[in-house]
Amino acid sequence: MDFNPCMKHQLVRKTVREFAENEIRPFVGELDREARFPHDIVDKMKPLNYFGLQAPQEFGGAGLDTISYAIAVEEVSRVSAAIGLCITVHNSVGVYPILKYGTKKQKKRFVPAMAAGDSIGAFCLTEANAGSDAGGVETSALEQGDGFVINGTKIFVTNGGICGTVLVFAVSQEDRSASVFIVEKDRPGFSVGEIEDLCGMRANPVSSLFFEDCRVPRENLLGTKGQGLKIGLTALDT
């Protein structure tokens, strides 16, 4: 059996490697020293579909297969782990769950901006008292009227400092069932905490995120109520 990459995958590797070497490598030391997210580099990545690697073309994505996706992440990370982390978290646990579990309306509403790189995605699971143990999450979602009110703190959120659309893992106060909510950064009660100082990854603004009486409409519930564990594990598997 031949395990060598096919011509398509070789072309993906060549294209992404050239971009990473020419557009990212000259600045990686500076970005890490200054703990600065490279907005200028990201602007160059947007039209090349780095933020919609596996999103369908109908939503503005590249529609790549999984091997091409893995190669693209590998080649970016080869030069800058921080930028590689940004795009893989955005694509895998930001965009993918919405494509997998979202309604047609949710996909149409959120995915195009995310695939274009105009709204960076993040997934909020980890907490100070729970780590990444979904069963120990304390962030709550109280069903109220035509929506939910979210309260809690998430830590070590990759892309947290520059995120535009986040998926929040929260539990019901009534029965402790877990659900996932799509939360836009401009919603009242949503705020960004201190940026973490991570060795070698300082160009990615990993941070805490705070939710204080953050109200989201029912239409922002991803999947069904109580489906959070399934969605969370599926997202992390990618």
C-alpha atoms as a PDB file:
ATOM      1  CA  MET A   1       0.000   0.000   0.000  1.00  0.00           C
ATOM      2  CA  ASP A   2       1.336   3.419  -0.991  1.00  0.00           C
ATOM      3  CA  PHE A   3       1.184   5.898   1.881  1.00  0.00           C
ATOM      4  CA  ASN A   4       2.833   8.749  -0.024  1.00  0.00           C
ATOM      5  CA  PRO A   5       0.688  11.886  -0.416  1.00  0.00           C
ATOM      6  CA  CYS A   6      -1.235  12.159  -3.657  1.00  0.00           C
ATOM      7  CA  MET A   7      -0.625  15.098  -6.004  1.00  0.00           C
ATOM      8  CA  LYS A   8      -3.446  17.088  -4.392  1.00  0.00           C
ATOM      9  CA  HIS A   9      -1.968  16.730  -0.910  1.00  0.00           C
ATOM     10  CA  GLN A  10       1.527  17.484  -2.160  1.00  0.00           C
ATOM     11  CA  LEU A  11       0.207  20.704  -3.682  1.00  0.00           C
ATOM     12  CA  VAL A  12      -1.520  21.663  -0.412  1.00  0.00           C
ATOM     13  CA  ARG A  13       1.730  21.090   1.500  1.00  0.00           C
ATOM     14  CA  LYS A  14       3.783  23.087  -1.001  1.00  0.00           C
ATOM     15  CA  THR A  15       1.335  26.002  -1.044  1.00  0.00           C
ATOM     16  CA  VAL A  16       0.919  26.254   2.728  1.00  0.00           C
ATOM     17  CA  ARG A  17       4.647  25.794   3.396  1.00  0.00           C
ATOM     18  CA  GLU A  18       5.539  28.610   1.008  1.00  0.00           C
ATOM     19  CA  PHE A  19       3.040  30.920   2.692  1.00  0.00           C
ATOM     20  CA  ALA A  20       4.279  30.012   6.170  1.00  0.00           C
ATOM     21  CA  GLU A  21       7.923  30.495   5.247  1.00  0.00           C
ATOM     22  CA  ASN A  22       7.393  33.790   3.433  1.00  0.00           C
ATOM     23  CA  GLU A  23       4.635  35.457   5.431  1.00  0.00           C
ATOM     24  CA  ILE A  24       4.941  34.050   8.958  1.00  0.00           C
ATOM     25  CA  ARG A  25       8.501  32.908   9.698  1.00  0.00           C
ATOM     26  CA  PRO A  26      10.140  36.373   9.475  1.00  0.00           C
ATOM     27  CA  PHE A  27       7.933  37.611  12.335  1.00  0.00           C
ATOM     28  CA  VAL A  28       7.579  34.670  14.749  1.00  0.00           C
ATOM     29  CA  GLY A  29      10.291  35.822  17.164  1.00  0.00           C
ATOM     30  CA  GLU A  30       8.917  39.337  17.310  1.00  0.00           C
ATOM     31  CA  LEU A  31       5.344  38.135  17.794  1.00  0.00           C
ATOM     32  CA  ASP A  32       6.321  35.873  20.673  1.00  0.00           C
ATOM     33  CA  ARG A  33       8.454  38.505  22.399  1.00  0.00           C
ATOM     34  CA  GLU A  34       5.688  41.081  22.162  1.00  0.00           C
ATOM     35  CA  ALA A  35       2.877  38.580  22.879  1.00  0.00           C
ATOM     36  CA  ARG A  36       1.115  40.100  19.887  1.00  0.00           C
ATOM     37  CA  PHE A  37      -1.601  38.492  17.793  1.00  0.00           C
ATOM     38  CA  PRO A  38      -0.674  38.939  14.102  1.00  0.00           C
ATOM     39  CA  HIS A  39      -3.738  40.683  12.673  1.00  0.00           C
ATOM     40  CA  ASP A  40      -1.791  41.658   9.544  1.00  0.00           C
ATOM     41  CA  ILE A  41      -0.823  38.052   8.827  1.00  0.00           C
ATOM     42  CA  VAL A  42      -4.365  36.873   9.523  1.00  0.00           C
ATOM     43  CA  ASP A  43      -5.659  39.389   6.975  1.00  0.00           C
ATOM     44  CA  LYS A  44      -3.461  37.648   4.383  1.00  0.00           C
ATOM     45  CA  MET A  45      -4.717  34.233   5.486  1.00  0.00           C
ATOM     46  CA  LYS A  46      -8.403  35.125   5.202  1.00  0.00           C
ATOM     47  CA  PRO A  47      -8.768  35.050   1.390  1.00  0.00           C
ATOM     48  CA  LEU A  48      -6.760  31.795   1.298  1.00  0.00           C
ATOM     49  CA  ASN A  49      -9.465  29.997   3.353  1.00  0.00           C
ATOM     50  CA  TYR A  50      -7.325  29.161   6.389  1.00  0.00           C
ATOM     51  CA  PHE A  51     -10.342  29.903   8.585  1.00  0.00           C
ATOM     52  CA  GLY A  52     -12.709  27.755   6.557  1.00  0.00           C
ATOM     53  CA  LEU A  53     -10.464  24.841   5.662  1.00  0.00           C
ATOM     54  CA  GLN A  54     -13.194  22.201   5.871  1.00  0.00           C
ATOM     55  CA  ALA A  55     -16.256  24.433   5.720  1.00  0.00           C
ATOM     56  CA  PRO A  56     -18.372  23.793   2.607  1.00  0.00           C
ATOM     57  CA  GLN A  57     -17.909  26.165  -0.306  1.00  0.00           C
ATOM     58  CA  GLU A  58     -21.542  27.257  -0.011  1.00  0.00           C
ATOM     59  CA  PHE A  59     -20.539  29.002   3.232  1.00  0.00           C
ATOM     60  CA  GLY A  60     -17.354  30.462   1.776  1.00  0.00           C
ATOM     61  CA  GLY A  61     -15.029  27.681   2.925  1.00  0.00           C
ATOM     62  CA  ALA A  62     -12.427  25.629   1.061  1.00  0.00           C
ATOM     63  CA  GLY A  63     -14.186  22.294   1.562  1.00  0.00           C
ATOM     64  CA  LEU A  64     -10.911  20.407   2.038  1.00  0.00           C
ATOM     65  CA  ASP A  65     -10.686  16.768   3.057  1.00  0.00           C
ATOM     66  CA  THR A  66      -9.309  15.790   6.461  1.00  0.00           C
ATOM     67  CA  ILE A  67      -5.795  14.942   5.227  1.00  0.00           C
ATOM     68  CA  SER A  68      -5.477  18.319   3.487  1.00  0.00           C
ATOM     69  CA  TYR A  69      -6.688  19.999   6.689  1.00  0.00           C
ATOM     70  CA  ALA A  70      -4.118  18.128   8.783  1.00  0.00           C
ATOM     71  CA  ILE A  71      -1.341  19.036   6.346  1.00  0.00           C
ATOM     72  CA  ALA A  72      -2.295  22.726   6.413  1.00  0.00           C
ATOM     73  CA  VAL A  73      -2.273  22.821  10.229  1.00  0.00           C
ATOM     74  CA  GLU A  74       1.009  20.892  10.316  1.00  0.00           C
ATOM     75  CA  GLU A  75       2.761  23.262   7.924  1.00  0.00           C
ATOM     76  CA  VAL A  76       1.599  26.433   9.689  1.00  0.00           C
ATOM     77  CA  SER A  77       2.513  24.964  13.091  1.00  0.00           C
ATOM     78  CA  ARG A  78       5.933  23.955  11.771  1.00  0.00           C
ATOM     79  CA  VAL A  79       6.701  27.673  11.583  1.00  0.00           C
ATOM     80  CA  SER A  80       4.418  29.087  14.287  1.00  0.00           C
ATOM     81  CA  ALA A  81       2.716  26.861  16.846  1.00  0.00           C
ATOM     82  CA  ALA A  82       0.672  29.842  18.059  1.00  0.00           C
ATOM     83  CA  ILE A  83      -0.880  30.557  14.664  1.00  0.00           C
ATOM     84  CA  GLY A  84      -1.326  26.852  13.970  1.00  0.00           C
ATOM     85  CA  LEU A  85      -3.183  26.576  17.274  1.00  0.00           C
ATOM     86  CA  CYS A  86      -5.404  29.484  16.297  1.00  0.00           C
ATOM     87  CA  ILE A  87      -6.566  27.978  13.029  1.00  0.00           C
ATOM     88  CA  THR A  88      -7.019  24.414  14.258  1.00  0.00           C
ATOM     89  CA  VAL A  89      -9.064  25.433  17.313  1.00  0.00           C
ATOM     90  CA  HIS A  90     -11.104  27.826  15.168  1.00  0.00           C
ATOM     91  CA  ASN A  91     -11.820  25.173  12.525  1.00  0.00           C
ATOM     92  CA  SER A  92     -12.165  22.077  14.717  1.00  0.00           C
ATOM     93  CA  VAL A  93     -14.011  23.228  17.828  1.00  0.00           C
ATOM     94  CA  GLY A  94     -15.406  26.509  16.537  1.00  0.00           C
ATOM     95  CA  VAL A  95     -16.750  25.980  13.023  1.00  0.00           C
ATOM     96  CA  TYR A  96     -17.145  22.199  12.925  1.00  0.00           C
ATOM     97  CA  PRO A  97     -19.698  21.774  15.759  1.00  0.00           C
ATOM     98  CA  ILE A  98     -21.966  24.368  14.149  1.00  0.00           C
ATOM     99  CA  LEU A  99     -21.731  22.540  10.830  1.00  0.00           C
ATOM    100  CA  LYS A 100     -22.369  19.202  12.541  1.00  0.00           C
ATOM    101  CA  TYR A 101     -25.147  20.135  14.963  1.00  0.00           C
ATOM    102  CA  GLY A 102     -26.395  23.550  13.910  1.00  0.00           C
ATOM    103  CA  THR A 103     -29.714  24.308  12.271  1.00  0.00           C
ATOM    104  CA  LYS A 104     -29.811  25.662   8.725  1.00  0.00           C
ATOM    105  CA  LYS A 105     -30.454  29.089  10.183  1.00  0.00           C
ATOM    106  CA  GLN A 106     -27.479  28.850  12.550  1.00  0.00           C
ATOM    107  CA  LYS A 107     -25.148  27.692   9.794  1.00  0.00           C
ATOM    108  CA  LYS A 108     -26.232  30.515   7.512  1.00  0.00           C
ATOM    109  CA  ARG A 109     -25.959  33.041  10.334  1.00  0.00           C
ATOM    110  CA  PHE A 110     -22.597  32.109  11.858  1.00  0.00           C
ATOM    111  CA  VAL A 111     -20.476  30.028   9.480  1.00  0.00           C
ATOM    112  CA  PRO A 112     -19.822  32.492   6.612  1.00  0.00           C
ATOM    113  CA  ALA A 113     -18.239  35.107   8.905  1.00  0.00           C
ATOM    114  CA  MET A 114     -16.227  32.420  10.685  1.00  0.00           C
ATOM    115  CA  ALA A 115     -15.070  30.775   7.445  1.00  0.00           C
ATOM    116  CA  ALA A 116     -13.989  34.188   6.189  1.00  0.00           C
ATOM    117  CA  GLY A 117     -11.914  34.752   9.333  1.00  0.00           C
ATOM    118  CA  ASP A 118     -13.962  37.809  10.263  1.00  0.00           C
ATOM    119  CA  SER A 119     -15.188  36.113  13.445  1.00  0.00           C
ATOM    120  CA  ILE A 120     -12.628  33.879  15.184  1.00  0.00           C
ATOM    121  CA  GLY A 121     -14.053  30.857  16.980  1.00  0.00           C
ATOM    122  CA  ALA A 122     -13.319  29.370  20.405  1.00  0.00           C
ATOM    123  CA  PHE A 123     -14.659  26.555  22.563  1.00  0.00           C
ATOM    124  CA  CYS A 124     -15.227  27.192  26.267  1.00  0.00           C
ATOM    125  CA  LEU A 125     -15.062  24.084  28.438  1.00  0.00           C
ATOM    126  CA  THR A 126     -12.123  24.330  30.875  1.00  0.00           C
ATOM    127  CA  GLU A 127     -12.767  25.776  34.342  1.00  0.00           C
ATOM    128  CA  ALA A 128     -10.650  26.363  37.427  1.00  0.00           C
ATOM    129  CA  ASN A 129     -12.486  23.765  39.536  1.00  0.00           C
ATOM    130  CA  ALA A 130     -13.181  21.280  36.761  1.00  0.00           C
ATOM    131  CA  GLY A 131     -10.252  21.343  34.379  1.00  0.00           C
ATOM    132  CA  SER A 132     -11.547  19.934  31.099  1.00  0.00           C
ATOM    133  CA  ASP A 133     -13.810  17.453  32.907  1.00  0.00           C
ATOM    134  CA  ALA A 134     -17.217  18.038  31.363  1.00  0.00           C
ATOM    135  CA  GLY A 135     -18.867  16.381  34.354  1.00  0.00           C
ATOM    136  CA  GLY A 136     -17.480  18.953  36.777  1.00  0.00           C
ATOM    137  CA  VAL A 137     -18.463  22.128  34.925  1.00  0.00           C
ATOM    138  CA  GLU A 138     -19.990  24.832  37.127  1.00  0.00           C
ATOM    139  CA  THR A 139     -20.945  27.396  34.475  1.00  0.00           C
ATOM    140  CA  SER A 140     -24.732  27.499  34.517  1.00  0.00           C
ATOM    141  CA  ALA A 141     -27.416  28.196  31.951  1.00  0.00           C
ATOM    142  CA  LEU A 142     -30.736  29.207  33.484  1.00  0.00           C
ATOM    143  CA  GLU A 143     -33.712  28.859  31.168  1.00  0.00           C
ATOM    144  CA  GLN A 144     -35.609  32.117  31.334  1.00  0.00           C
ATOM    145  CA  GLY A 145     -38.353  33.359  29.032  1.00  0.00           C
ATOM    146  CA  ASP A 146     -37.390  32.904  25.400  1.00  0.00           C
ATOM    147  CA  GLY A 147     -33.727  32.226  26.121  1.00  0.00           C
ATOM    148  CA  PHE A 148     -31.021  31.372  28.640  1.00  0.00           C
ATOM    149  CA  VAL A 149     -28.938  33.327  31.134  1.00  0.00           C
ATOM    150  CA  ILE A 150     -25.329  32.120  31.392  1.00  0.00           C
ATOM    151  CA  ASN A 151     -23.130  32.639  34.459  1.00  0.00           C
ATOM    152  CA  GLY A 152     -19.619  31.321  34.960  1.00  0.00           C
ATOM    153  CA  THR A 153     -15.913  31.628  34.190  1.00  0.00           C
ATOM    154  CA  LYS A 154     -13.912  29.704  31.609  1.00  0.00           C
ATOM    155  CA  ILE A 155     -10.108  29.573  31.686  1.00  0.00           C
ATOM    156  CA  PHE A 156      -7.306  28.811  29.199  1.00  0.00           C
ATOM    157  CA  VAL A 157      -9.560  29.598  26.238  1.00  0.00           C
ATOM    158  CA  THR A 158      -7.526  29.428  23.043  1.00  0.00           C
ATOM    159  CA  ASN A 159      -8.285  32.462  20.822  1.00  0.00           C
ATOM    160  CA  GLY A 160     -10.055  33.968  23.848  1.00  0.00           C
ATOM    161  CA  GLY A 161      -8.573  37.415  23.436  1.00  0.00           C
ATOM    162  CA  ILE A 162      -9.611  37.782  19.796  1.00  0.00           C
ATOM    163  CA  CYS A 163     -12.666  35.529  19.549  1.00  0.00           C
ATOM    164  CA  GLY A 164     -15.859  36.705  17.917  1.00  0.00           C
ATOM    165  CA  THR A 165     -18.006  33.593  18.248  1.00  0.00           C
ATOM    166  CA  VAL A 166     -17.638  31.144  21.115  1.00  0.00           C
ATOM    167  CA  LEU A 167     -19.278  27.844  21.979  1.00  0.00           C
ATOM    168  CA  VAL A 168     -19.973  27.733  25.713  1.00  0.00           C
ATOM    169  CA  PHE A 169     -20.410  24.474  27.610  1.00  0.00           C
ATOM    170  CA  ALA A 170     -22.831  25.046  30.494  1.00  0.00           C
ATOM    171  CA  VAL A 171     -25.091  22.997  32.741  1.00  0.00           C
ATOM    172  CA  SER A 172     -28.729  23.431  33.694  1.00  0.00           C
ATOM    173  CA  GLN A 173     -29.363  24.541  37.254  1.00  0.00           C
ATOM    174  CA  GLU A 174     -32.426  22.305  37.376  1.00  0.00           C
ATOM    175  CA  ASP A 175     -31.092  18.878  36.407  1.00  0.00           C
ATOM    176  CA  ARG A 176     -27.348  19.376  35.725  1.00  0.00           C
ATOM    177  CA  SER A 177     -27.808  18.398  32.087  1.00  0.00           C
ATOM    178  CA  ALA A 178     -25.154  19.958  29.841  1.00  0.00           C
ATOM    179  CA  SER A 179     -25.768  22.048  26.743  1.00  0.00           C
ATOM    180  CA  VAL A 180     -23.703  24.121  24.315  1.00  0.00           C
ATOM    181  CA  PHE A 181     -24.552  27.709  23.437  1.00  0.00           C
ATOM    182  CA  ILE A 182     -23.327  29.919  20.617  1.00  0.00           C
ATOM    183  CA  VAL A 183     -22.384  33.261  22.142  1.00  0.00           C
ATOM    184  CA  GLU A 184     -21.311  36.356  20.215  1.00  0.00           C
ATOM    185  CA  LYS A 185     -18.617  38.509  21.777  1.00  0.00           C
ATOM    186  CA  ASP A 186     -20.710  41.676  21.761  1.00  0.00           C
ATOM    187  CA  ARG A 187     -23.434  40.244  24.025  1.00  0.00           C
ATOM    188  CA  PRO A 188     -23.826  42.105  27.349  1.00  0.00           C
ATOM    189  CA  GLY A 189     -22.306  40.155  30.222  1.00  0.00           C
ATOM    190  CA  PHE A 190     -19.546  38.617  28.086  1.00  0.00           C
ATOM    191  CA  SER A 191     -16.031  39.877  28.874  1.00  0.00           C
ATOM    192  CA  VAL A 192     -12.420  38.846  28.307  1.00  0.00           C
ATOM    193  CA  GLY A 193     -10.006  38.333  31.195  1.00  0.00           C
ATOM    194  CA  GLU A 194      -6.227  38.518  31.448  1.00  0.00           C
ATOM    195  CA  ILE A 195      -4.176  37.018  28.619  1.00  0.00           C
ATOM    196  CA  GLU A 196      -2.067  34.031  29.708  1.00  0.00           C
ATOM    197  CA  ASP A 197       1.733  34.106  29.294  1.00  0.00           C
ATOM    198  CA  LEU A 198       2.398  30.746  27.635  1.00  0.00           C
ATOM    199  CA  CYS A 199       5.911  29.685  26.648  1.00  0.00           C
ATOM    200  CA  GLY A 200       6.298  29.672  22.869  1.00  0.00           C
ATOM    201  CA  MET A 201       2.588  30.338  22.296  1.00  0.00           C
ATOM    202  CA  ARG A 202       2.407  34.005  23.224  1.00  0.00           C
ATOM    203  CA  ALA A 203       1.162  35.106  19.798  1.00  0.00           C
ATOM    204  CA  ASN A 204      -2.120  33.367  20.588  1.00  0.00           C
ATOM    205  CA  PRO A 205      -4.218  35.310  23.125  1.00  0.00           C
ATOM    206  CA  VAL A 206      -5.246  32.444  25.413  1.00  0.00           C
ATOM    207  CA  SER A 207      -7.397  33.966  28.150  1.00  0.00           C
ATOM    208  CA  SER A 208     -10.183  33.599  30.657  1.00  0.00           C
ATOM    209  CA  LEU A 209     -13.716  34.480  29.580  1.00  0.00           C
ATOM    210  CA  PHE A 210     -16.377  35.749  31.969  1.00  0.00           C
ATOM    211  CA  PHE A 211     -20.141  35.338  31.631  1.00  0.00           C
ATOM    212  CA  GLU A 212     -22.153  37.458  34.056  1.00  0.00           C
ATOM    213  CA  ASP A 213     -25.888  37.258  33.457  1.00  0.00           C
ATOM    214  CA  CYS A 214     -25.098  36.855  29.769  1.00  0.00           C
ATOM    215  CA  ARG A 215     -28.438  36.395  28.033  1.00  0.00           C
ATOM    216  CA  VAL A 216     -28.651  34.419  24.786  1.00  0.00           C
ATOM    217  CA  PRO A 217     -31.820  33.673  22.788  1.00  0.00           C
ATOM    218  CA  ARG A 218     -33.129  30.130  22.493  1.00  0.00           C
ATOM    219  CA  GLU A 219     -32.071  30.093  18.848  1.00  0.00           C
ATOM    220  CA  ASN A 220     -28.428  30.163  20.028  1.00  0.00           C
ATOM    221  CA  LEU A 221     -28.742  26.740  21.659  1.00  0.00           C
ATOM    222  CA  LEU A 222     -26.583  24.354  19.600  1.00  0.00           C
ATOM    223  CA  GLY A 223     -28.223  21.003  19.013  1.00  0.00           C
ATOM    224  CA  THR A 224     -30.781  20.160  21.675  1.00  0.00           C
ATOM    225  CA  LYS A 225     -30.856  20.847  25.386  1.00  0.00           C
ATOM    226  CA  GLY A 226     -28.876  18.187  27.259  1.00  0.00           C
ATOM    227  CA  GLN A 227     -26.795  17.270  24.188  1.00  0.00           C
ATOM    228  CA  GLY A 228     -23.755  19.158  25.449  1.00  0.00           C
ATOM    229  CA  LEU A 229     -21.559  16.193  26.360  1.00  0.00           C
ATOM    230  CA  LYS A 230     -22.023  14.594  22.955  1.00  0.00           C
ATOM    231  CA  ILE A 231     -21.292  17.863  21.142  1.00  0.00           C
ATOM    232  CA  GLY A 232     -18.283  18.610  23.333  1.00  0.00           C
ATOM    233  CA  LEU A 233     -16.668  15.197  22.882  1.00  0.00           C
ATOM    234  CA  THR A 234     -17.356  15.188  19.136  1.00  0.00           C
ATOM    235  CA  ALA A 235     -15.756  18.624  18.802  1.00  0.00           C
ATOM    236  CA  LEU A 236     -12.693  17.638  20.790  1.00  0.00           C
ATOM    237  CA  ASP A 237     -12.312  14.422  18.761  1.00  0.00           C
ATOM    238  CA  THR A 238     -11.760  16.472  15.614  1.00  0.00           C
END
